[in-house]
């Protein structure tokens, strides 16, 4: 997912191929928590949850605060692939 997004971004002319290597990918790929807007990046040690289609991201704190209200459940990544 991240690599495909990065390749698409690079191929559309936004950056050179060096951004697909190593830690540089974190400089342009990131998501935000839908509720508090905390930034999820590849170099930060934090937990985020996402929808099955990887479109919506929720930080761990917001997930815990709202999981009962929205009836959220965690599925293992293996079940999604």
Protein backbone atom coordinates (compact mmCIF):
# COMPACT_ATOMS: atom_id res chain seq x y z
CA UNK A 1 0.00 0.00 0.00
CA UNK A 2 2.61 2.56 1.02
CA UNK A 3 4.98 1.53 -1.78
CA UNK A 4 2.20 1.70 -4.40
CA UNK A 5 1.16 5.15 -3.18
CA UNK A 6 4.78 6.28 -3.29
CA UNK A 7 5.34 4.95 -6.80
CA UNK A 8 2.19 6.67 -8.03
CA UNK A 9 3.29 9.94 -6.43
CA UNK A 10 6.80 9.70 -7.89
CA UNK A 11 5.51 8.74 -11.35
CA UNK A 12 3.19 11.74 -11.41
CA UNK A 13 6.28 13.95 -11.26
CA UNK A 14 6.21 15.09 -7.67
CA UNK A 15 9.59 13.67 -6.65
CA UNK A 16 12.49 11.56 -7.79
CA UNK A 17 12.89 7.83 -7.31
CA UNK A 18 15.15 8.44 -4.30
CA UNK A 19 11.98 9.03 -2.30
CA UNK A 20 11.03 5.36 -2.70
CA UNK A 21 14.17 4.16 -0.93
CA UNK A 22 14.71 3.62 2.77
CA UNK A 23 13.56 6.22 5.23
CA UNK A 24 12.84 8.93 2.64
CA UNK A 25 9.38 7.47 1.98
CA UNK A 26 8.25 8.90 5.32
CA UNK A 27 8.78 12.45 4.06
CA UNK A 28 5.81 12.31 1.76
CA UNK A 29 3.66 9.38 2.92
CA UNK A 30 1.58 9.97 5.99
CA UNK A 31 -2.00 9.86 7.13
CA UNK A 32 -3.90 11.69 9.85
CA UNK A 33 -6.30 10.54 12.53
CA UNK A 34 -9.81 11.31 11.31
CA UNK A 35 -10.78 12.66 14.72
CA UNK A 36 -7.84 14.52 16.26
CA UNK A 37 -5.67 14.92 13.14
CA UNK A 38 -2.57 13.37 14.76
CA UNK A 39 -0.07 12.58 12.04
CA UNK A 40 0.77 8.93 11.33
CA UNK A 41 4.17 8.59 9.71
CA UNK A 42 6.47 5.65 9.07
CA UNK A 43 9.19 6.86 11.44
CA UNK A 44 7.00 7.38 14.51
CA UNK A 45 6.43 4.61 17.03
CA UNK A 46 2.66 4.91 17.47
CA UNK A 47 -0.38 2.77 16.83
CA UNK A 48 -3.02 3.64 14.27
CA UNK A 49 -6.02 1.68 13.08
CA UNK A 50 -7.55 1.94 9.62
CA UNK A 51 -10.63 0.90 7.75
CA UNK A 52 -10.50 -2.24 5.64
CA UNK A 53 -9.95 -0.17 2.49
CA UNK A 54 -7.11 1.82 4.16
CA UNK A 55 -8.93 5.12 3.54
CA UNK A 56 -9.66 6.22 7.12
CA UNK A 57 -7.11 6.21 9.96
CA UNK A 58 -7.71 6.52 13.72
CA UNK A 59 -5.02 6.95 16.36
CA UNK A 60 -4.93 4.60 19.33
CA UNK A 61 -6.19 7.21 21.78
CA UNK A 62 -9.22 8.15 19.65
CA UNK A 63 -9.90 4.49 18.94
CA UNK A 64 -10.08 3.77 22.67
CA UNK A 65 -12.23 6.85 23.30
CA UNK A 66 -14.79 6.10 20.57
CA UNK A 67 -14.74 2.32 19.97
CA UNK A 68 -17.87 1.63 22.00
CA UNK A 69 -19.80 4.58 20.57
CA UNK A 70 -19.09 3.56 16.96
CA UNK A 71 -18.94 -0.23 17.61
CA UNK A 72 -15.44 -0.52 16.19
CA UNK A 73 -13.69 -3.88 16.22
CA UNK A 74 -10.12 -4.85 15.42
CA UNK A 75 -9.45 -7.39 12.69
CA UNK A 76 -6.02 -8.94 12.24
CA UNK A 77 -4.17 -7.68 9.15
CA UNK A 78 -3.99 -11.26 7.84
CA UNK A 79 -7.80 -11.28 7.53
CA UNK A 80 -7.70 -8.23 5.27
CA UNK A 81 -5.12 -9.41 2.75
